[in-house]
């Protein structure tokens, strides 16, 4: 009889397995970045939307003002002699006694009309185009007043008053952080064909949710650098410490335009004013590339200077290829301006041109306009993303 042999074997211990890490688990830094992007966007979204929208409207302000009255750009007939600027101002006051002219633009082209800016006691602004040979006003429009209101909404002065600038400044600082955190959120963890396609293209024909998500991310990435430029230049305008630091770096003086007026000579009632036309002629000679000369019209008889600008193009805010002068009304000569003040003017002008798209003609304006549209839409598309996820979470919890 055979006996069965029994073999005793030791039990095999179970293999130690490490817990599987969820690849979708975010780090603390990623969570903090996403939290900042969400709540800073929600808290500043309405202000950013208004500031961006008014900025978009303002980009083509000069072109819109001129196009409305394009028929009055040129005179019907060129005569042998023009009326003097003093005579033109007198004719303007006769035709618009309720308005006070405060500046006018004289063009190098003899066929161009003179463009006069004026206001009422209630600060309603308008531009008028006058025939320099007859003194007749060919056209006027109040688009100037419309863009004046838009600019004050953009700065927060309307409707918040004196505290409006601070409200807008805080919102712009938050938007600056939004742009940085948005780039971090957009940045793919892995670069491959799929992630490149998702990050750089908008998936057309997809669901509304996916389309809105792409419209938030893809245009936001492409407009990041110019949007940062517009944001930073805007902060330099409204933030005094940042403005002062910028002028310090480039050896300029903040608020140079206001400080230049302090160089004006004292009023002397025994002296007479010199004629304006020789001043304009001289400025055109000094600036060969200038197509326009803008002269201020002093509000008071005791004002002893003119502010003059000779430039290729002069806008409501922007100035292209130009120079600012302080002219002595007694002798018609330019008052010497210290280099620090001139640098300050140049810094402010360059910063403003970069902010409003005046830096490269139509191309600069078009780029600024498109970037402004993207910045206007970002709060909307971002809110829709947040609202959709919030609604989905409520359904899941239920």
Protein backbone atom coordinates (compact mmCIF):
# COMPACT_ATOMS: atom_id res chain seq x y z
CA UNK A 1 0.00 0.00 0.00
CA UNK A 2 1.38 3.24 -1.16
CA UNK A 3 1.29 6.11 1.19
CA UNK A 4 0.58 9.62 -0.07
CA UNK A 5 3.33 12.02 0.61
CA UNK A 6 2.20 15.29 1.99
CA UNK A 7 4.24 18.40 1.19
CA UNK A 8 3.93 21.34 3.42
CA UNK A 9 4.38 24.67 1.55
CA UNK A 10 4.66 28.11 3.05
CA UNK A 11 1.94 30.55 2.05
CA UNK A 12 3.10 33.16 -0.47
CA UNK A 13 2.86 36.63 1.07
CA UNK A 14 0.86 39.14 -0.94
CA UNK A 15 2.85 41.61 -3.00
CA UNK A 16 3.13 45.06 -1.57
CA UNK A 17 1.46 47.41 -3.97
CA UNK A 18 1.71 51.17 -3.89
CA UNK A 19 -1.50 53.10 -3.99
CA UNK A 20 -2.30 54.30 -7.50
CA UNK A 21 -1.88 58.02 -7.87
CA UNK A 22 -4.66 59.76 -9.70
CA UNK A 23 -3.06 61.59 -12.61
CA UNK A 24 -5.80 64.23 -12.38
CA UNK A 25 -4.88 65.13 -8.81
CA UNK A 26 -3.66 68.73 -8.72
CA UNK A 27 -0.82 70.05 -6.62
CA UNK A 28 -1.38 72.75 -4.03
CA UNK A 29 0.21 75.29 -6.31
CA UNK A 30 -2.13 74.39 -9.17
CA UNK A 31 -5.15 74.56 -6.87
CA UNK A 32 -4.08 77.96 -5.54
CA UNK A 33 -3.50 79.26 -9.08
CA UNK A 34 -6.93 78.01 -10.21
CA UNK A 35 -8.58 79.49 -7.11
CA UNK A 36 -6.95 82.89 -7.73
CA UNK A 37 -7.91 82.86 -11.40
CA UNK A 38 -11.52 82.04 -10.57
CA UNK A 39 -12.26 84.39 -7.69
CA UNK A 40 -10.18 87.34 -8.86
CA UNK A 41 -11.97 87.04 -12.18
CA UNK A 42 -15.41 86.92 -10.60
CA UNK A 43 -14.66 89.88 -8.31
CA UNK A 44 -13.28 92.14 -11.05
CA UNK A 45 -15.14 90.82 -14.09
CA UNK A 46 -17.78 93.56 -14.40
CA UNK A 47 -15.25 96.41 -14.09
CA UNK A 48 -12.82 94.71 -16.50
CA UNK A 49 -15.67 94.24 -18.98
CA UNK A 50 -16.65 97.94 -18.83
CA UNK A 51 -13.06 99.20 -18.99
CA UNK A 52 -12.23 96.91 -21.93
CA UNK A 53 -15.41 97.74 -23.83
CA UNK A 54 -14.96 101.50 -23.48
CA UNK A 55 -11.31 101.10 -24.50
CA UNK A 56 -12.41 99.25 -27.65
CA UNK A 57 -14.87 102.03 -28.49
CA UNK A 58 -12.21 104.71 -27.94
CA UNK A 59 -9.55 103.19 -30.23
CA UNK A 60 -10.95 104.68 -33.44
CA UNK A 61 -12.28 107.89 -31.86
CA UNK A 62 -10.25 110.26 -34.08
CA UNK A 63 -11.21 108.42 -37.26
CA UNK A 64 -14.90 108.37 -36.33
CA UNK A 65 -14.90 112.09 -35.46
CA UNK A 66 -13.36 112.98 -38.82
CA UNK A 67 -15.40 110.53 -40.92
CA UNK A 68 -18.67 111.98 -39.63
CA UNK A 69 -17.66 115.36 -41.09
CA UNK A 70 -15.48 114.15 -43.97
CA UNK A 71 -17.26 116.49 -46.43
CA UNK A 72 -15.87 119.47 -44.49
CA UNK A 73 -12.21 118.38 -44.63
CA UNK A 74 -11.42 120.52 -47.65
CA UNK A 75 -12.36 124.07 -48.64
CA UNK A 76 -14.60 124.68 -51.67
CA UNK A 77 -12.14 127.21 -53.17
CA UNK A 78 -8.58 128.29 -52.40
CA UNK A 79 -8.31 132.06 -52.32
CA UNK A 80 -5.23 134.26 -52.46
CA UNK A 81 -5.16 135.09 -48.77
CA UNK A 82 -6.22 133.31 -45.60
CA UNK A 83 -7.83 134.97 -42.63
CA UNK A 84 -5.59 135.26 -39.59
CA UNK A 85 -6.16 132.87 -36.64
CA UNK A 86 -7.41 135.83 -34.59
CA UNK A 87 -10.00 136.64 -37.26
CA UNK A 88 -11.06 132.99 -37.47
CA UNK A 89 -11.61 132.87 -33.70
CA UNK A 90 -13.69 136.04 -33.90
CA UNK A 91 -15.83 134.57 -36.72
CA UNK A 92 -16.30 131.38 -34.70
CA UNK A 93 -17.56 133.31 -31.66
CA UNK A 94 -19.98 135.24 -33.89
CA UNK A 95 -21.46 132.00 -35.27
CA UNK A 96 -21.39 130.13 -31.92
CA UNK A 97 -21.74 132.79 -29.19
CA UNK A 98 -22.69 130.15 -26.61
CA UNK A 99 -19.45 128.20 -27.11
CA UNK A 100 -15.89 128.89 -25.99
CA UNK A 101 -13.13 127.77 -28.39
CA UNK A 102 -10.07 126.35 -26.62
CA UNK A 103 -7.89 124.91 -29.41
CA UNK A 104 -7.65 124.63 -33.15
CA UNK A 105 -5.64 122.62 -35.66
CA UNK A 106 -4.01 124.24 -38.67
CA UNK A 107 -3.01 121.92 -41.56
CA UNK A 108 -0.02 122.31 -43.85
CA UNK A 109 -2.18 121.46 -46.86
CA UNK A 110 -3.70 124.76 -48.10
CA UNK A 111 -6.85 122.89 -49.18
CA UNK A 112 -7.62 121.69 -45.65
CA UNK A 113 -10.06 123.46 -43.36
CA UNK A 114 -9.24 124.58 -39.82
CA UNK A 115 -10.49 122.29 -37.05
CA UNK A 116 -11.68 124.09 -33.91
CA UNK A 117 -12.51 122.50 -30.54
CA UNK A 118 -15.00 124.27 -28.28
CA UNK A 119 -17.15 123.76 -25.19
CA UNK A 120 -20.22 125.21 -23.49
CA UNK A 121 -20.60 126.23 -19.86
CA UNK A 122 -21.92 122.72 -19.17
CA UNK A 123 -18.75 121.25 -20.71
CA UNK A 124 -20.36 119.90 -23.84
CA UNK A 125 -17.58 119.47 -26.39
CA UNK A 126 -17.63 119.60 -30.16
CA UNK A 127 -15.38 119.97 -33.20
CA UNK A 128 -16.08 122.47 -35.98
CA UNK A 129 -14.50 122.71 -39.43
CA UNK A 130 -14.04 126.26 -40.70
CA UNK A 131 -13.06 127.64 -44.10
CA UNK A 132 -9.82 129.58 -43.39
CA UNK A 133 -10.44 131.85 -46.41
CA UNK A 134 -13.98 132.96 -45.61
CA UNK A 135 -14.43 132.20 -41.88
CA UNK A 136 -17.55 130.14 -42.58
CA UNK A 137 -18.16 127.03 -40.48
CA UNK A 138 -18.73 124.15 -42.91
CA UNK A 139 -19.72 121.51 -40.36
CA UNK A 140 -19.77 120.62 -36.65
CA UNK A 141 -20.36 117.41 -34.72
CA UNK A 142 -20.47 116.41 -31.06
CA UNK A 143 -18.69 113.07 -31.40
CA UNK A 144 -15.95 114.73 -29.30
CA UNK A 145 -18.43 114.95 -26.42
CA UNK A 146 -19.40 111.29 -26.83
CA UNK A 147 -15.79 110.12 -26.61
CA UNK A 148 -15.17 112.47 -23.70
CA UNK A 149 -17.88 110.58 -21.80
CA UNK A 150 -16.47 107.21 -22.94
CA UNK A 151 -12.99 108.20 -21.70
CA UNK A 152 -14.41 109.14 -18.28
CA UNK A 153 -16.29 105.84 -18.02
CA UNK A 154 -13.06 104.09 -18.97
CA UNK A 155 -11.19 105.83 -16.17
CA UNK A 156 -13.99 105.22 -13.64
CA UNK A 157 -14.74 108.91 -13.12
CA UNK A 158 -18.23 108.14 -14.43
CA UNK A 159 -20.18 106.97 -12.44
CA UNK A 160 -17.95 106.61 -9.35
CA UNK A 161 -16.57 110.16 -9.19
CA UNK A 162 -13.22 110.83 -7.51
CA UNK A 163 -12.89 107.26 -6.19
CA UNK A 164 -13.44 105.84 -9.69
CA UNK A 165 -9.75 105.85 -10.62
CA UNK A 166 -8.95 103.73 -7.56
CA UNK A 167 -11.72 101.22 -8.38
CA UNK A 168 -10.47 100.86 -11.95
CA UNK A 169 -6.86 100.61 -10.80
CA UNK A 170 -7.66 97.73 -8.42
CA UNK A 171 -9.59 95.92 -11.16
CA UNK A 172 -6.71 96.36 -13.61
CA UNK A 173 -4.20 94.99 -11.08
CA UNK A 174 -6.46 91.96 -10.61
CA UNK A 175 -6.73 91.56 -14.38
CA UNK A 176 -2.94 91.62 -14.61
CA UNK A 177 -2.80 88.70 -12.16
CA UNK A 178 -5.59 87.03 -14.13
CA UNK A 179 -3.47 87.09 -17.29
CA UNK A 180 -0.54 85.41 -15.50
CA UNK A 181 -2.66 82.76 -13.75
CA UNK A 182 -4.54 82.17 -17.01
CA UNK A 183 -1.29 81.40 -18.82
CA UNK A 184 -0.38 78.89 -16.10
CA UNK A 185 -3.79 77.22 -16.41
CA UNK A 186 -3.51 77.14 -20.19
CA UNK A 187 0.00 75.62 -20.20
CA UNK A 188 -0.27 71.89 -21.12
CA UNK A 189 1.34 69.34 -18.78
CA UNK A 190 2.58 67.38 -21.77
CA UNK A 191 3.40 68.70 -25.21
CA UNK A 192 2.19 66.37 -27.94
CA UNK A 193 0.09 66.53 -31.07
CA UNK A 194 -3.20 66.32 -29.16
CA UNK A 195 -2.38 68.96 -26.55
CA UNK A 196 -1.01 71.34 -29.19
CA UNK A 197 -4.20 71.05 -31.17
CA UNK A 198 -6.34 71.62 -28.08
CA UNK A 199 -4.25 74.59 -26.90
CA UNK A 200 -3.80 76.49 -30.16
CA UNK A 201 -7.00 75.87 -32.11
CA UNK A 202 -10.72 76.38 -31.56
CA UNK A 203 -12.74 73.24 -32.13
CA UNK A 204 -15.53 74.33 -34.44
CA UNK A 205 -18.73 72.34 -34.67
CA UNK A 206 -18.43 71.23 -31.04
CA UNK A 207 -20.89 71.73 -28.21
CA UNK A 208 -21.53 75.20 -26.83
CA UNK A 209 -19.68 74.29 -23.64
CA UNK A 210 -16.55 73.21 -25.50
CA UNK A 211 -16.73 76.13 -27.93
CA UNK A 212 -17.02 78.63 -25.07
CA UNK A 213 -14.08 76.95 -23.31
CA UNK A 214 -11.93 77.27 -26.44
CA UNK A 215 -13.01 80.88 -26.97
CA UNK A 216 -11.80 81.65 -23.44
CA UNK A 217 -8.45 79.88 -23.72
CA UNK A 218 -7.19 80.13 -27.30
CA UNK A 219 -7.78 83.86 -28.05
CA UNK A 220 -6.69 84.59 -24.48
CA UNK A 221 -3.32 82.99 -25.17
CA UNK A 222 -2.76 84.65 -28.56
CA UNK A 223 -3.58 88.11 -27.16
CA UNK A 224 -1.57 87.65 -23.94
CA UNK A 225 1.48 89.80 -24.78
CA UNK A 226 -0.41 92.81 -26.25
CA UNK A 227 -2.98 92.50 -23.43
CA UNK A 228 -0.15 92.68 -20.88
CA UNK A 229 1.22 95.73 -22.72
CA UNK A 230 -2.14 97.51 -22.62
CA UNK A 231 -2.60 96.56 -18.96
CA UNK A 232 0.85 97.73 -17.86
CA UNK A 233 0.63 101.03 -19.75
CA UNK A 234 -2.80 101.59 -18.21
CA UNK A 235 -1.37 100.99 -14.74
CA UNK A 236 1.43 103.48 -15.44
CA UNK A 237 -1.24 106.08 -16.24
CA UNK A 238 -3.32 105.57 -13.08
CA UNK A 239 -0.78 104.37 -10.50
CA UNK A 240 1.37 107.24 -9.19
CA UNK A 241 4.24 105.13 -7.72
CA UNK A 242 4.52 103.10 -10.94
CA UNK A 243 4.36 106.28 -13.00
CA UNK A 244 7.07 107.89 -10.89
CA UNK A 245 9.30 104.80 -11.17
CA UNK A 246 8.90 104.76 -14.97
CA UNK A 247 9.95 108.39 -15.22
CA UNK A 248 12.86 107.77 -12.87
CA UNK A 249 14.14 104.91 -15.05
CA UNK A 250 13.96 106.97 -18.25
CA UNK A 251 15.10 110.25 -16.64
CA UNK A 252 11.79 112.07 -16.96
CA UNK A 253 9.46 114.14 -14.79
CA UNK A 254 5.90 113.02 -14.00
CA UNK A 255 3.06 115.42 -14.90
CA UNK A 256 5.45 117.29 -17.19
CA UNK A 257 2.65 118.86 -19.25
CA UNK A 258 1.28 120.61 -16.17
CA UNK A 259 4.71 121.65 -14.89
CA UNK A 260 5.69 123.20 -18.23
CA UNK A 261 3.02 125.85 -17.74
CA UNK A 262 4.93 127.06 -14.67
CA UNK A 263 7.61 128.38 -17.06
CA UNK A 264 5.22 131.04 -18.35
CA UNK A 265 6.36 134.69 -17.94
CA UNK A 266 4.42 137.07 -15.72
CA UNK A 267 1.58 139.09 -17.17
CA UNK A 268 2.46 142.61 -18.27
CA UNK A 269 -0.52 144.73 -19.35
CA UNK A 270 1.75 147.25 -21.05
CA UNK A 271 2.85 144.70 -23.67
CA UNK A 272 0.89 143.52 -26.70
CA UNK A 273 0.45 140.00 -28.05
CA UNK A 274 2.24 139.01 -31.22
CA UNK A 275 0.37 137.53 -34.21
CA UNK A 276 -0.29 133.79 -34.24
CA UNK A 277 0.20 133.05 -37.95
CA UNK A 278 3.98 133.65 -37.94
CA UNK A 279 4.23 131.21 -35.02
CA UNK A 280 2.42 128.50 -37.01
CA UNK A 281 4.59 129.15 -40.10
CA UNK A 282 7.74 128.91 -38.00
CA UNK A 283 6.65 125.61 -36.41
CA UNK A 284 6.05 124.08 -39.84
CA UNK A 285 9.55 125.17 -40.88
CA UNK A 286 11.13 123.63 -37.76
CA UNK A 287 9.26 120.34 -38.23
CA UNK A 288 9.51 119.20 -41.84
CA UNK A 289 7.48 116.01 -41.25
CA UNK A 290 4.67 117.83 -39.43
CA UNK A 291 1.32 117.97 -41.24
CA UNK A 292 -0.61 119.65 -38.42
CA UNK A 293 -0.05 122.37 -35.84
CA UNK A 294 -2.36 122.51 -32.85
CA UNK A 295 -2.57 125.79 -30.94
CA UNK A 296 -4.28 126.41 -27.65
CA UNK A 297 -6.67 129.34 -27.33
CA UNK A 298 -6.07 130.93 -23.91
CA UNK A 299 -9.12 131.11 -21.64
CA UNK A 300 -7.97 134.30 -19.91
CA UNK A 301 -6.56 137.53 -21.31
CA UNK A 302 -3.83 137.33 -18.67
CA UNK A 303 -2.47 134.01 -20.03
CA UNK A 304 1.03 134.69 -21.35
CA UNK A 305 1.69 131.48 -23.32
CA UNK A 306 0.32 129.23 -26.04
CA UNK A 307 0.64 125.46 -25.87
CA UNK A 308 1.54 124.33 -29.37
CA UNK A 309 2.03 120.90 -30.94
CA UNK A 310 3.59 120.26 -34.34
CA UNK A 311 3.10 116.66 -35.47
CA UNK A 312 2.32 114.35 -38.36
CA UNK A 313 -0.92 113.32 -36.71
CA UNK A 314 -2.67 114.75 -33.63
CA UNK A 315 -5.50 112.89 -31.90
CA UNK A 316 -7.62 113.40 -28.83
CA UNK A 317 -5.05 111.52 -26.74
CA UNK A 318 -2.34 110.28 -29.10
CA UNK A 319 0.45 112.15 -30.82
CA UNK A 320 2.41 110.70 -33.75
CA UNK A 321 5.86 112.02 -34.70
CA UNK A 322 5.43 115.36 -32.97
CA UNK A 323 6.84 117.86 -30.52
CA UNK A 324 5.31 120.08 -27.84
CA UNK A 325 6.17 123.78 -27.52
CA UNK A 326 5.45 126.50 -24.99
CA UNK A 327 5.18 129.78 -26.92
CA UNK A 328 5.64 133.23 -25.41
CA UNK A 329 2.62 135.32 -26.46
CA UNK A 330 4.60 138.55 -26.25
CA UNK A 331 7.33 137.74 -28.77
CA UNK A 332 6.17 134.47 -30.38
CA UNK A 333 9.33 132.60 -29.43
CA UNK A 334 9.46 129.14 -27.92
CA UNK A 335 10.32 129.13 -24.22
CA UNK A 336 13.22 126.73 -23.47
CA UNK A 337 12.00 123.56 -21.73
CA UNK A 338 14.40 121.59 -19.47
CA UNK A 339 15.41 118.14 -20.76
CA UNK A 340 13.77 116.33 -17.83
CA UNK A 341 10.42 117.89 -18.69
CA UNK A 342 10.89 117.08 -22.39
CA UNK A 343 11.71 113.48 -21.47
CA UNK A 344 8.64 113.41 -19.26
CA UNK A 345 6.46 114.54 -22.18
CA UNK A 346 8.04 111.91 -24.43
CA UNK A 347 7.51 109.13 -21.84
CA UNK A 348 3.86 110.07 -21.30
CA UNK A 349 3.21 110.32 -25.03
CA UNK A 350 4.87 106.98 -25.80
CA UNK A 351 3.00 105.27 -22.98
CA UNK A 352 -0.33 106.71 -24.14
CA UNK A 353 0.32 105.73 -27.76
CA UNK A 354 1.03 102.15 -26.69
CA UNK A 355 -2.10 102.09 -24.55
CA UNK A 356 -4.57 103.35 -27.16
CA UNK A 357 -2.97 101.80 -30.27
CA UNK A 358 -1.67 105.09 -31.71
CA UNK A 359 1.87 103.72 -32.09
CA UNK A 360 1.66 102.26 -35.61
CA UNK A 361 -1.14 103.89 -37.53
CA UNK A 362 -4.05 101.71 -38.60
CA UNK A 363 -2.16 98.48 -37.88
CA UNK A 364 -1.60 99.52 -34.27
CA UNK A 365 -5.24 100.55 -33.86
CA UNK A 366 -6.57 97.34 -35.42
CA UNK A 367 -4.37 95.17 -33.20
CA UNK A 368 -5.41 97.11 -30.09
CA UNK A 369 -9.06 96.88 -31.15
CA UNK A 370 -8.91 93.07 -31.56
CA UNK A 371 -7.04 92.57 -28.28
CA UNK A 372 -9.56 94.82 -26.55
CA UNK A 373 -12.40 92.67 -27.90
CA UNK A 374 -10.75 89.56 -26.50
CA UNK A 375 -10.27 91.24 -23.10
CA UNK A 376 -13.93 92.31 -23.19
CA UNK A 377 -15.07 88.72 -23.85
CA UNK A 378 -12.79 87.01 -21.30
CA UNK A 379 -14.96 87.89 -18.25
CA UNK A 380 -18.06 86.67 -20.11
CA UNK A 381 -16.66 83.34 -21.31
CA UNK A 382 -14.97 82.80 -17.94
CA UNK A 383 -18.24 83.37 -16.09
CA UNK A 384 -20.05 80.92 -18.38
CA UNK A 385 -17.38 78.26 -17.65
CA UNK A 386 -17.74 78.81 -13.89
CA UNK A 387 -21.54 78.83 -13.99
CA UNK A 388 -21.66 75.63 -16.04
CA UNK A 389 -19.37 73.78 -13.65
CA UNK A 390 -21.28 75.08 -10.64
CA UNK A 391 -24.55 73.88 -12.13
CA UNK A 392 -23.02 70.48 -12.92
CA UNK A 393 -21.72 70.08 -9.36
CA UNK A 394 -25.17 70.82 -7.94
CA UNK A 395 -26.71 68.09 -10.09
CA UNK A 396 -23.96 65.63 -9.09
CA UNK A 397 -24.46 66.33 -5.39
CA UNK A 398 -28.20 65.94 -5.75
